[in-house]
PDB file of all heavy atoms in Angstrom:
ATOM      1  N   VAL A   1      95.952 -51.134-197.537  1.00  0.00           N
ATOM      2  CA  VAL A   1      96.417 -50.355-196.388  1.00  0.00           C
ATOM      3  C   VAL A   1      97.828 -50.831-196.063  1.00  0.00           C
ATOM      4  O   VAL A   1      98.104 -52.032-196.073  1.00  0.00           O
ATOM      5  CB  VAL A   1      95.531 -50.588-195.146  1.00  0.00           C
ATOM      6  CG1 VAL A   1      96.033 -49.764-193.968  1.00  0.00           C
ATOM      7  CG2 VAL A   1      94.087 -50.263-195.446  1.00  0.00           C
ATOM      8  N   MET A   2      98.711 -49.882-195.772  1.00  0.00           N
ATOM      9  CA  MET A   2     100.058 -50.229-195.321  1.00  0.00           C
ATOM     10  C   MET A   2     100.284 -49.607-193.948  1.00  0.00           C
ATOM     11  O   MET A   2     100.211 -48.392-193.788  1.00  0.00           O
ATOM     12  CB  MET A   2     101.123 -49.740-196.309  1.00  0.00           C
ATOM     13  CG  MET A   2     102.553 -50.110-195.891  1.00  0.00           C
ATOM     14  SD  MET A   2     103.806 -49.610-197.112  1.00  0.00           S
ATOM     15  CE  MET A   2     103.473 -50.776-198.445  1.00  0.00           C
ATOM     16  N   LEU A   3     100.511 -50.464-192.952  1.00  0.00           N
ATOM     17  CA  LEU A   3     100.800 -50.006-191.606  1.00  0.00           C
ATOM     18  C   LEU A   3     102.308 -49.999-191.409  1.00  0.00           C
ATOM     19  O   LEU A   3     102.949 -51.051-191.463  1.00  0.00           O
ATOM     20  CB  LEU A   3     100.158 -50.935-190.566  1.00  0.00           C
ATOM     21  CG  LEU A   3      98.655 -51.205-190.683  1.00  0.00           C
ATOM     22  CD1 LEU A   3      98.207 -52.168-189.582  1.00  0.00           C
ATOM     23  CD2 LEU A   3      97.852 -49.923-190.643  1.00  0.00           C
ATOM     24  N   LEU A   4     102.880 -48.816-191.211  1.00  0.00           N
ATOM     25  CA  LEU A   4     104.305 -48.730-190.914  1.00  0.00           C
ATOM     26  C   LEU A   4     104.494 -49.005-189.424  1.00  0.00           C
ATOM     27  O   LEU A   4     103.947 -48.299-188.576  1.00  0.00           O
ATOM     28  CB  LEU A   4     104.848 -47.349-191.270  1.00  0.00           C
ATOM     29  CG  LEU A   4     104.784 -46.952-192.750  1.00  0.00           C
ATOM     30  CD1 LEU A   4     105.417 -45.584-192.958  1.00  0.00           C
ATOM     31  CD2 LEU A   4     105.463 -47.995-193.631  1.00  0.00           C
ATOM     32  N   SER A   5     105.293 -50.011-189.110  1.00  0.00           N
ATOM     33  CA  SER A   5     105.465 -50.455-187.732  1.00  0.00           C
ATOM     34  C   SER A   5     106.939 -50.425-187.354  1.00  0.00           C
ATOM     35  O   SER A   5     107.785 -49.976-188.138  1.00  0.00           O
ATOM     36  CB  SER A   5     104.891 -51.875-187.587  1.00  0.00           C
ATOM     37  OG  SER A   5     105.000 -52.353-186.272  1.00  0.00           O
ATOM     38  N   ASP A   6     107.252 -50.898-186.141  1.00  0.00           N
ATOM     39  CA  ASP A   6     108.651 -50.974-185.723  1.00  0.00           C
ATOM     40  C   ASP A   6     109.189 -52.386-185.871  1.00  0.00           C
ATOM     41  O   ASP A   6     110.261 -52.705-185.365  1.00  0.00           O
ATOM     42  CB  ASP A   6     108.807 -50.486-184.274  1.00  0.00           C
ATOM     43  CG  ASP A   6     107.949 -51.265-183.289  1.00  0.00           C
ATOM     44  OD1 ASP A   6     107.183 -52.152-183.725  1.00  0.00           O
ATOM     45  OD2 ASP A   6     108.042 -50.994-182.077  1.00  0.00           O
ATOM     46  N   VAL A   7     108.439 -53.255-186.543  1.00  0.00           N
ATOM     47  CA  VAL A   7     108.869 -54.627-186.804  1.00  0.00           C
ATOM     48  C   VAL A   7     108.626 -54.940-188.279  1.00  0.00           C
ATOM     49  O   VAL A   7     107.934 -54.201-188.984  1.00  0.00           O
ATOM     50  CB  VAL A   7     108.113 -55.641-185.919  1.00  0.00           C
ATOM     51  CG1 VAL A   7     108.477 -55.469-184.455  1.00  0.00           C
ATOM     52  CG2 VAL A   7     106.622 -55.513-186.122  1.00  0.00           C
ATOM     53  N   ASP A   8     109.186 -56.057-188.742  1.00  0.00           N
ATOM     54  CA  ASP A   8     109.071 -56.419-190.150  1.00  0.00           C
ATOM     55  C   ASP A   8     107.678 -56.931-190.524  1.00  0.00           C
ATOM     56  O   ASP A   8     107.307 -56.920-191.696  1.00  0.00           O
ATOM     57  CB  ASP A   8     110.104 -57.487-190.510  1.00  0.00           C
ATOM     58  CG  ASP A   8     111.522 -56.948-190.476  1.00  0.00           C
ATOM     59  OD1 ASP A   8     111.697 -55.731-190.673  1.00  0.00           O
ATOM     60  OD2 ASP A   8     112.460 -57.737-190.242  1.00  0.00           O
ATOM     61  N   GLY A   9     106.915 -57.399-189.545  1.00  0.00           N
ATOM     62  CA  GLY A   9     105.600 -57.961-189.829  1.00  0.00           C
ATOM     63  C   GLY A   9     105.236 -58.964-188.760  1.00  0.00           C
ATOM     64  O   GLY A   9     105.701 -58.869-187.616  1.00  0.00           O
ATOM     65  N   LEU A  10     104.420 -59.937-189.120  1.00  0.00           N
ATOM     66  CA  LEU A  10     103.981 -60.975-188.191  1.00  0.00           C
ATOM     67  C   LEU A  10     104.916 -62.170-188.283  1.00  0.00           C
ATOM     68  O   LEU A  10     105.148 -62.717-189.362  1.00  0.00           O
ATOM     69  CB  LEU A  10     102.549 -61.405-188.528  1.00  0.00           C
ATOM     70  CG  LEU A  10     101.992 -62.570-187.704  1.00  0.00           C
ATOM     71  CD1 LEU A  10     101.795 -62.151-186.248  1.00  0.00           C
ATOM     72  CD2 LEU A  10     100.670 -63.051-188.304  1.00  0.00           C
ATOM     73  N   TYR A  11     105.463 -62.575-187.137  1.00  0.00           N
ATOM     74  CA  TYR A  11     106.293 -63.774-187.065  1.00  0.00           C
ATOM     75  C   TYR A  11     105.483 -64.939-186.506  1.00  0.00           C
ATOM     76  O   TYR A  11     104.504 -64.733-185.776  1.00  0.00           O
ATOM     77  CB  TYR A  11     107.517 -63.526-186.175  1.00  0.00           C
ATOM     78  CG  TYR A  11     108.610 -62.726-186.854  1.00  0.00           C
ATOM     79  CD1 TYR A  11     108.538 -61.341-186.915  1.00  0.00           C
ATOM     80  CD2 TYR A  11     109.701 -63.367-187.437  1.00  0.00           C
ATOM     81  CE1 TYR A  11     109.530 -60.599-187.541  1.00  0.00           C
ATOM     82  CE2 TYR A  11     110.698 -62.636-188.064  1.00  0.00           C
ATOM     83  CZ  TYR A  11     110.610 -61.259-188.120  1.00  0.00           C
ATOM     84  OH  TYR A  11     111.593 -60.531-188.740  1.00  0.00           O
ATOM     85  N   ASP A  12     105.918 -66.144-186.831  1.00  0.00           N
ATOM     86  CA  ASP A  12     105.192 -67.319-186.346  1.00  0.00           C
ATOM     87  C   ASP A  12     105.455 -67.603-184.872  1.00  0.00           C
ATOM     88  O   ASP A  12     104.790 -68.434-184.263  1.00  0.00           O
ATOM     89  CB  ASP A  12     105.527 -68.559-187.200  1.00  0.00           C
ATOM     90  CG  ASP A  12     107.003 -68.935-187.150  1.00  0.00           C
ATOM     91  OD1 ASP A  12     107.802 -68.177-186.565  1.00  0.00           O
ATOM     92  OD2 ASP A  12     107.353 -69.991-187.709  1.00  0.00           O
ATOM     93  N   ARG A  13     106.426 -66.885-184.298  1.00  0.00           N
ATOM     94  CA  ARG A  13     106.746 -67.001-182.870  1.00  0.00           C
ATOM     95  C   ARG A  13     107.614 -65.808-182.511  1.00  0.00           C
ATOM     96  O   ARG A  13     107.853 -64.933-183.340  1.00  0.00           O
ATOM     97  CB  ARG A  13     107.467 -68.320-182.580  1.00  0.00           C
ATOM     98  CG  ARG A  13     108.885 -68.381-183.137  1.00  0.00           C
ATOM     99  CD  ARG A  13     109.425 -69.780-183.239  1.00  0.00           C
ATOM    100  NE  ARG A  13     108.901 -70.436-184.438  1.00  0.00           N
ATOM    101  CZ  ARG A  13     109.321 -71.614-184.869  1.00  0.00           C
ATOM    102  NH1 ARG A  13     110.213 -72.299-184.177  1.00  0.00           N
ATOM    103  NH2 ARG A  13     108.832 -72.138-185.977  1.00  0.00           N
ATOM    104  N   ASP A  14     108.086 -65.760-181.274  1.00  0.00           N
ATOM    105  CA  ASP A  14     108.987 -64.693-180.845  1.00  0.00           C
ATOM    106  C   ASP A  14     110.172 -64.619-181.807  1.00  0.00           C
ATOM    107  O   ASP A  14     110.873 -65.620-181.991  1.00  0.00           O
ATOM    108  CB  ASP A  14     109.471 -64.979-179.420  1.00  0.00           C
ATOM    109  CG  ASP A  14     110.319 -63.852-178.840  1.00  0.00           C
ATOM    110  OD1 ASP A  14     110.815 -63.014-179.618  1.00  0.00           O
ATOM    111  OD2 ASP A  14     110.497 -63.820-177.617  1.00  0.00           O
ATOM    112  N   PRO A  15     110.404 -63.461-182.441  1.00  0.00           N
ATOM    113  CA  PRO A  15     111.510 -63.356-183.401  1.00  0.00           C
ATOM    114  C   PRO A  15     112.874 -63.674-182.792  1.00  0.00           C
ATOM    115  O   PRO A  15     113.810 -64.017-183.533  1.00  0.00           O
ATOM    116  CB  PRO A  15     111.447 -61.890-183.850  1.00  0.00           C
ATOM    117  CG  PRO A  15     110.060 -61.468-183.569  1.00  0.00           C
ATOM    118  CD  PRO A  15     109.621 -62.224-182.353  1.00  0.00           C
ATOM    119  N   ALA A  16     113.005 -63.562-181.474  1.00  0.00           N
ATOM    120  CA  ALA A  16     114.286 -63.869-180.828  1.00  0.00           C
ATOM    121  C   ALA A  16     114.543 -65.369-180.748  1.00  0.00           C
ATOM    122  O   ALA A  16     115.678 -65.797-180.515  1.00  0.00           O
ATOM    123  CB  ALA A  16     114.324 -63.259-179.425  1.00  0.00           C
ATOM    124  N   GLU A  17     113.509 -66.172-180.939  1.00  0.00           N
ATOM    125  CA  GLU A  17     113.675 -67.626-180.846  1.00  0.00           C
ATOM    126  C   GLU A  17     114.334 -68.169-182.121  1.00  0.00           C
ATOM    127  O   GLU A  17     114.051 -67.694-183.219  1.00  0.00           O
ATOM    128  CB  GLU A  17     112.323 -68.315-180.656  1.00  0.00           C
ATOM    129  CG  GLU A  17     111.678 -68.076-179.306  1.00  0.00           C
ATOM    130  CD  GLU A  17     110.396 -68.869-179.156  1.00  0.00           C
ATOM    131  OE1 GLU A  17     110.169 -69.800-179.972  1.00  0.00           O
ATOM    132  OE2 GLU A  17     109.624 -68.571-178.226  1.00  0.00           O
ATOM    133  N   PRO A  18     115.198 -69.172-181.969  1.00  0.00           N
ATOM    134  CA  PRO A  18     115.803 -69.795-183.155  1.00  0.00           C
ATOM    135  C   PRO A  18     114.721 -70.365-184.076  1.00  0.00           C
ATOM    136  O   PRO A  18     113.766 -70.984-183.610  1.00  0.00           O
ATOM    137  CB  PRO A  18     116.665 -70.923-182.558  1.00  0.00           C
ATOM    138  CG  PRO A  18     116.920 -70.492-181.146  1.00  0.00           C
ATOM    139  CD  PRO A  18     115.695 -69.754-180.711  1.00  0.00           C
ATOM    140  N   GLY A  19     114.872 -70.113-185.359  1.00  0.00           N
ATOM    141  CA  GLY A  19     113.928 -70.660-186.331  1.00  0.00           C
ATOM    142  C   GLY A  19     112.681 -69.840-186.538  1.00  0.00           C
ATOM    143  O   GLY A  19     111.811 -70.226-187.331  1.00  0.00           O
ATOM    144  N   ALA A  20     112.558 -68.704-185.852  1.00  0.00           N
ATOM    145  CA  ALA A  20     111.382 -67.848-186.046  1.00  0.00           C
ATOM    146  C   ALA A  20     111.336 -67.348-187.490  1.00  0.00           C
ATOM    147  O   ALA A  20     112.360 -66.937-188.039  1.00  0.00           O
ATOM    148  CB  ALA A  20     111.417 -66.681-185.079  1.00  0.00           C
ATOM    149  N   GLU A  21     110.167 -67.391-188.093  1.00  0.00           N
ATOM    150  CA  GLU A  21     110.035 -67.000-189.493  1.00  0.00           C
ATOM    151  C   GLU A  21     108.953 -65.937-189.664  1.00  0.00           C
ATOM    152  O   GLU A  21     107.896 -65.993-189.036  1.00  0.00           O
ATOM    153  CB  GLU A  21     109.682 -68.220-190.350  1.00  0.00           C
ATOM    154  CG  GLU A  21     110.791 -69.274-190.402  1.00  0.00           C
ATOM    155  CD  GLU A  21     110.446 -70.423-191.333  1.00  0.00           C
ATOM    156  OE1 GLU A  21     109.341 -70.371-191.943  1.00  0.00           O
ATOM    157  OE2 GLU A  21     111.248 -71.349-191.454  1.00  0.00           O
ATOM    158  N   LEU A  22     109.258 -64.983-190.532  1.00  0.00           N
ATOM    159  CA  LEU A  22     108.279 -63.968-190.897  1.00  0.00           C
ATOM    160  C   LEU A  22     107.207 -64.622-191.761  1.00  0.00           C
ATOM    161  O   LEU A  22     107.513 -65.417-192.651  1.00  0.00           O
ATOM    162  CB  LEU A  22     108.960 -62.842-191.674  1.00  0.00           C
ATOM    163  CG  LEU A  22     108.099 -61.666-192.114  1.00  0.00           C
ATOM    164  CD1 LEU A  22     107.664 -60.849-190.908  1.00  0.00           C
ATOM    165  CD2 LEU A  22     108.858 -60.794-193.106  1.00  0.00           C
ATOM    166  N   VAL A  23     105.947 -64.310-191.474  1.00  0.00           N
ATOM    167  CA  VAL A  23     104.839 -64.837-192.274  1.00  0.00           C
ATOM    168  C   VAL A  23     104.564 -63.842-193.401  1.00  0.00           C
ATOM    169  O   VAL A  23     104.057 -62.753-193.151  1.00  0.00           O
ATOM    170  CB  VAL A  23     103.572 -65.021-191.407  1.00  0.00           C
ATOM    171  CG1 VAL A  23     102.434 -65.589-192.241  1.00  0.00           C
ATOM    172  CG2 VAL A  23     103.866 -65.915-190.206  1.00  0.00           C
ATOM    173  N   PRO A  24     104.915 -64.162-194.649  1.00  0.00           N
ATOM    174  CA  PRO A  24     104.806 -63.163-195.724  1.00  0.00           C
ATOM    175  C   PRO A  24     103.374 -62.887-196.157  1.00  0.00           C
ATOM    176  O   PRO A  24     103.046 -61.754-196.514  1.00  0.00           O
ATOM    177  CB  PRO A  24     105.623 -63.778-196.862  1.00  0.00           C
ATOM    178  CG  PRO A  24     105.606 -65.241-196.600  1.00  0.00           C
ATOM    179  CD  PRO A  24     105.540 -65.409-195.118  1.00  0.00           C
ATOM    180  N   VAL A  25     102.517 -63.917-196.163  1.00  0.00           N
ATOM    181  CA  VAL A  25     101.143 -63.758-196.643  1.00  0.00           C
ATOM    182  C   VAL A  25     100.194 -64.485-195.698  1.00  0.00           C
ATOM    183  O   VAL A  25     100.453 -65.624-195.306  1.00  0.00           O
ATOM    184  CB  VAL A  25     100.977 -64.322-198.079  1.00  0.00           C
ATOM    185  CG1 VAL A  25      99.515 -64.217-198.532  1.00  0.00           C
ATOM    186  CG2 VAL A  25     101.879 -63.587-199.060  1.00  0.00           C
ATOM    187  N   VAL A  26      99.109 -63.813-195.344  1.00  0.00           N
ATOM    188  CA  VAL A  26      98.053 -64.422-194.536  1.00  0.00           C
ATOM    189  C   VAL A  26      96.773 -64.395-195.354  1.00  0.00           C
ATOM    190  O   VAL A  26      96.305 -63.331-195.762  1.00  0.00           O
ATOM    191  CB  VAL A  26      97.844 -63.666-193.207  1.00  0.00           C
ATOM    192  CG1 VAL A  26      96.648 -64.242-192.442  1.00  0.00           C
ATOM    193  CG2 VAL A  26      99.101 -63.739-192.352  1.00  0.00           C
ATOM    194  N   ARG A  27      96.204 -65.553-195.593  1.00  0.00           N
ATOM    195  CA  ARG A  27      94.963 -65.661-196.367  1.00  0.00           C
ATOM    196  C   ARG A  27      93.802 -65.931-195.409  1.00  0.00           C
ATOM    197  O   ARG A  27      93.390 -67.066-195.215  1.00  0.00           O
ATOM    198  CB  ARG A  27      95.077 -66.767-197.416  1.00  0.00           C
ATOM    199  CG  ARG A  27      96.070 -66.440-198.529  1.00  0.00           C
ATOM    200  CD  ARG A  27      96.216 -67.574-199.519  1.00  0.00           C
ATOM    201  NE  ARG A  27      97.035 -67.185-200.653  1.00  0.00           N
ATOM    202  CZ  ARG A  27      98.372 -67.230-200.646  1.00  0.00           C
ATOM    203  NH1 ARG A  27      99.021 -67.643-199.556  1.00  0.00           N
ATOM    204  NH2 ARG A  27      99.049 -66.854-201.716  1.00  0.00           N
ATOM    205  N   GLY A  28      93.337 -64.889-194.783  1.00  0.00           N
ATOM    206  CA  GLY A  28      92.239 -65.024-193.836  1.00  0.00           C
ATOM    207  C   GLY A  28      92.754 -65.233-192.428  1.00  0.00           C
ATOM    208  O   GLY A  28      93.632 -66.064-192.190  1.00  0.00           O
ATOM    209  N   ILE A  29      92.227 -64.457-191.492  1.00  0.00           N
ATOM    210  CA  ILE A  29      92.698 -64.537-190.109  1.00  0.00           C
ATOM    211  C   ILE A  29      91.981 -65.671-189.390  1.00  0.00           C
ATOM    212  O   ILE A  29      90.758 -65.664-189.237  1.00  0.00           O
ATOM    213  CB  ILE A  29      92.470 -63.194-189.387  1.00  0.00           C
ATOM    214  CG1 ILE A  29      93.327 -62.120-190.050  1.00  0.00           C
ATOM    215  CG2 ILE A  29      92.809 -63.305-187.906  1.00  0.00           C
ATOM    216  CD1 ILE A  29      93.130 -60.743-189.501  1.00  0.00           C
ATOM    217  N   SER A  30      92.752 -66.646-188.964  1.00  0.00           N
ATOM    218  CA  SER A  30      92.238 -67.830-188.276  1.00  0.00           C
ATOM    219  C   SER A  30      92.649 -67.783-186.811  1.00  0.00           C
ATOM    220  O   SER A  30      93.392 -66.895-186.377  1.00  0.00           O
ATOM    221  CB  SER A  30      92.819 -69.085-188.935  1.00  0.00           C
ATOM    222  OG  SER A  30      94.245 -69.073-188.806  1.00  0.00           O
ATOM    223  N   ASP A  31      92.199 -68.764-186.038  1.00  0.00           N
ATOM    224  CA  ASP A  31      92.612 -68.852-184.636  1.00  0.00           C
ATOM    225  C   ASP A  31      94.124 -69.039-184.535  1.00  0.00           C
ATOM    226  O   ASP A  31      94.758 -68.545-183.602  1.00  0.00           O
ATOM    227  CB  ASP A  31      91.893 -70.005-183.947  1.00  0.00           C
ATOM    228  CG  ASP A  31      90.403 -69.717-183.733  1.00  0.00           C
ATOM    229  OD1 ASP A  31      90.031 -68.532-183.763  1.00  0.00           O
ATOM    230  OD2 ASP A  31      89.634 -70.679-183.551  1.00  0.00           O
ATOM    231  N   GLU A  32      94.706 -69.755-185.510  1.00  0.00           N
ATOM    232  CA  GLU A  32      96.160 -69.946-185.508  1.00  0.00           C
ATOM    233  C   GLU A  32      96.884 -68.616-185.672  1.00  0.00           C
ATOM    234  O   GLU A  32      97.874 -68.338-184.978  1.00  0.00           O
ATOM    235  CB  GLU A  32      96.559 -70.895-186.646  1.00  0.00           C
ATOM    236  CG  GLU A  32      98.060 -71.147-186.724  1.00  0.00           C
ATOM    237  CD  GLU A  32      98.443 -72.008-187.919  1.00  0.00           C
ATOM    238  OE1 GLU A  32      97.556 -72.308-188.748  1.00  0.00           O
ATOM    239  OE2 GLU A  32      99.625 -72.358-188.028  1.00  0.00           O
ATOM    240  N   ILE A  33      96.402 -67.777-186.576  1.00  0.00           N
ATOM    241  CA  ILE A  33      97.013 -66.457-186.784  1.00  0.00           C
ATOM    242  C   ILE A  33      96.829 -65.596-185.545  1.00  0.00           C
ATOM    243  O   ILE A  33      97.755 -64.888-185.111  1.00  0.00           O
ATOM    244  CB  ILE A  33      96.404 -65.776-188.021  1.00  0.00           C
ATOM    245  CG1 ILE A  33      96.748 -66.571-189.291  1.00  0.00           C
ATOM    246  CG2 ILE A  33      96.906 -64.338-188.143  1.00  0.00           C
ATOM    247  CD1 ILE A  33      98.222 -66.679-189.580  1.00  0.00           C
ATOM    248  N   ARG A  34      95.643 -65.651-184.939  1.00  0.00           N
ATOM    249  CA  ARG A  34      95.413 -64.870-183.718  1.00  0.00           C
ATOM    250  C   ARG A  34      96.363 -65.290-182.614  1.00  0.00           C
ATOM    251  O   ARG A  34      96.832 -64.459-181.838  1.00  0.00           O
ATOM    252  CB  ARG A  34      93.958 -65.022-183.253  1.00  0.00           C
ATOM    253  CG  ARG A  34      92.952 -64.352-184.173  1.00  0.00           C
ATOM    254  CD  ARG A  34      91.552 -64.388-183.576  1.00  0.00           C
ATOM    255  NE  ARG A  34      90.576 -63.857-184.510  1.00  0.00           N
ATOM    256  CZ  ARG A  34      89.887 -64.604-185.375  1.00  0.00           C
ATOM    257  NH1 ARG A  34      90.076 -65.911-185.403  1.00  0.00           N
ATOM    258  NH2 ARG A  34      89.030 -64.045-186.205  1.00  0.00           N
ATOM    259  N   SER A  35      96.663 -66.577-182.524  1.00  0.00           N
ATOM    260  CA  SER A  35      97.565 -67.044-181.473  1.00  0.00           C
ATOM    261  C   SER A  35      98.979 -66.516-181.685  1.00  0.00           C
ATOM    262  O   SER A  35      99.713 -66.280-180.732  1.00  0.00           O
ATOM    263  CB  SER A  35      97.577 -68.576-181.430  1.00  0.00           C
ATOM    264  OG  SER A  35      98.220 -69.119-182.575  1.00  0.00           O
ATOM    265  N   MET A  36      99.377 -66.306-182.943  1.00  0.00           N
ATOM    266  CA  MET A  36     100.700 -65.740-183.219  1.00  0.00           C
ATOM    267  C   MET A  36     100.814 -64.309-182.709  1.00  0.00           C
ATOM    268  O   MET A  36     101.903 -63.858-182.348  1.00  0.00           O
ATOM    269  CB  MET A  36     100.977 -65.752-184.726  1.00  0.00           C
ATOM    270  CG  MET A  36     101.131 -67.105-185.337  1.00  0.00           C
ATOM    271  SD  MET A  36     101.437 -66.966-187.132  1.00  0.00           S
ATOM    272  CE  MET A  36     101.275 -68.692-187.624  1.00  0.00           C
ATOM    273  N   ALA A  37      99.694 -63.604-182.701  1.00  0.00           N
ATOM    274  CA  ALA A  37      99.705 -62.198-182.302  1.00  0.00           C
ATOM    275  C   ALA A  37      99.185 -61.976-180.895  1.00  0.00           C
ATOM    276  O   ALA A  37      98.921 -60.846-180.504  1.00  0.00           O
ATOM    277  CB  ALA A  37      98.864 -61.381-183.278  1.00  0.00           C
ATOM    278  N   SER A  38      99.031 -63.048-180.128  1.00  0.00           N
ATOM    279  CA  SER A  38      98.556 -62.890-178.760  1.00  0.00           C
ATOM    280  C   SER A  38      99.627 -62.234-177.913  1.00  0.00           C
ATOM    281  O   SER A  38     100.819 -62.325-178.211  1.00  0.00           O
ATOM    282  CB  SER A  38      98.187 -64.255-178.169  1.00  0.00           C
ATOM    283  OG  SER A  38      99.350 -65.045-178.008  1.00  0.00           O
ATOM    284  N   PRO A  39      99.250 -61.556-176.820  1.00  0.00           N
ATOM    285  CA  PRO A  39     100.239 -60.875-175.979  1.00  0.00           C
ATOM    286  C   PRO A  39     101.343 -61.796-175.480  1.00  0.00           C
ATOM    287  O   PRO A  39     102.480 -61.386-175.323  1.00  0.00           O
ATOM    288  CB  PRO A  39      99.392 -60.329-174.825  1.00  0.00           C
ATOM    289  CG  PRO A  39      98.032 -60.145-175.408  1.00  0.00           C
ATOM    290  CD  PRO A  39      97.866 -61.284-176.381  1.00  0.00           C
ATOM    291  N   GLY A  40     101.013 -63.066-175.271  1.00  0.00           N
ATOM    292  CA  GLY A  40     102.023 -63.978-174.757  1.00  0.00           C
ATOM    293  C   GLY A  40     102.955 -64.531-175.811  1.00  0.00           C
ATOM    294  O   GLY A  40     103.980 -65.127-175.494  1.00  0.00           O
ATOM    295  N   SER A  41     102.610 -64.334-177.092  1.00  0.00           N
ATOM    296  CA  SER A  41     103.410 -64.952-178.148  1.00  0.00           C
ATOM    297  C   SER A  41     104.667 -64.173-178.471  1.00  0.00           C
ATOM    298  O   SER A  41     105.620 -64.711-178.986  1.00  0.00           O
ATOM    299  CB  SER A  41     102.568 -65.089-179.422  1.00  0.00           C
ATOM    300  OG  SER A  41     102.391 -63.823-180.034  1.00  0.00           O
TER     301      SER A  41
END
């Protein structure tokens, strides 16, 4: 499945923050991955 979005993908933090990195591959959704996509992240 390919979801076309308005962003490049999942970042490890707010993309506006210095050092924010795109996560290219996720091997299983963990609590850590969920925290990256939480509303506050």
